[in-house]
Protein backbone atom coordinates (compact mmCIF):
# COMPACT_ATOMS: atom_id res chain seq x y z
CA UNK A 1 -43.77 -86.07 56.58
CA UNK A 2 -46.53 -87.34 59.23
CA UNK A 3 -45.64 -90.79 59.13
CA UNK A 4 -43.06 -90.32 61.69
CA UNK A 5 -45.54 -89.35 64.21
CA UNK A 6 -46.79 -93.28 64.24
CA UNK A 7 -43.36 -94.54 65.67
CA UNK A 8 -43.87 -96.03 68.76
CA UNK A 9 -42.28 -94.23 71.80
CA UNK A 10 -41.69 -91.22 69.57
CA UNK A 11 -42.45 -87.50 70.67
CA UNK A 12 -42.93 -84.48 68.78
CA UNK A 13 -40.70 -81.66 70.26
CA UNK A 14 -41.83 -78.16 70.35
CA UNK A 15 -39.99 -77.03 67.15
CA UNK A 16 -41.98 -79.60 65.04
CA UNK A 17 -45.23 -79.04 66.36
CA UNK A 18 -45.95 -75.81 63.83
CA UNK A 19 -44.85 -78.07 60.84
CA UNK A 20 -46.88 -81.09 61.88
CA UNK A 21 -49.88 -79.06 62.27
CA UNK A 22 -49.39 -77.39 58.86
CA UNK A 23 -49.15 -81.11 57.08
CA UNK A 24 -52.42 -82.10 59.07
CA UNK A 25 -54.37 -79.05 58.07
CA UNK A 26 -53.09 -79.37 54.52
CA UNK A 27 -54.15 -83.07 54.70
CA UNK A 28 -57.45 -82.60 56.07
CA UNK A 29 -58.04 -79.46 53.54
CA UNK A 30 -56.84 -81.80 50.79
CA UNK A 31 -59.67 -84.33 51.49
CA UNK A 32 -57.53 -86.97 52.40
CA UNK A 33 -59.09 -87.77 55.80
CA UNK A 34 -61.20 -90.85 56.19
CA UNK A 35 -64.75 -91.30 55.82
CA UNK A 36 -67.39 -91.26 58.55
CA UNK A 37 -67.95 -94.99 58.02
CA UNK A 38 -64.39 -95.87 58.48
CA UNK A 39 -64.00 -94.01 61.34
CA UNK A 40 -66.66 -95.48 63.10
CA UNK A 41 -65.72 -98.98 62.54
CA UNK A 42 -62.05 -98.13 64.23
CA UNK A 43 -63.79 -96.64 67.14
CA UNK A 44 -65.65 -100.07 67.41
CA UNK A 45 -62.68 -102.06 67.23
CA UNK A 46 -60.81 -100.21 69.71
CA UNK A 47 -63.82 -100.38 72.11
CA UNK A 48 -63.61 -104.31 71.59
CA UNK A 49 -60.02 -104.24 72.26
CA UNK A 50 -60.30 -101.86 75.46
CA UNK A 51 -63.02 -104.51 76.62
CA UNK A 52 -61.52 -108.00 75.31
CA UNK A 53 -57.76 -106.38 77.29
CA UNK A 54 -59.19 -104.74 79.85
CA UNK A 55 -57.19 -106.69 82.71
CA UNK A 56 -54.30 -106.31 80.76
CA UNK A 57 -54.90 -102.55 79.96
CA UNK A 58 -55.16 -102.26 84.09
CA UNK A 59 -52.39 -103.91 84.89
CA UNK A 60 -49.89 -101.79 82.47
CA UNK A 61 -51.58 -98.65 83.56
CA UNK A 62 -51.28 -99.94 87.60
CA UNK A 63 -47.53 -100.82 86.88
CA UNK A 64 -46.84 -97.38 85.06
CA UNK A 65 -48.28 -95.36 87.59
CA UNK A 66 -46.64 -97.22 90.36
CA UNK A 67 -42.87 -96.26 89.08
CA UNK A 68 -41.14 -93.77 91.11
CA UNK A 69 -39.18 -91.23 89.47
């Protein structure tokens, strides 16, 4: 189900995209999405985390972009 999307490092292949979109639309249609207040709280926490961990995040991005493939 949708929970497998939350696995760290997982990717959804093209063959599953349609199924995932259908499941997400069904969830939204059923009214199972989170309320606006919850979403705002989550965004505020994300902002706080980005500010608090700015140096670590920038180091990780620089290390990732510096990789040669």
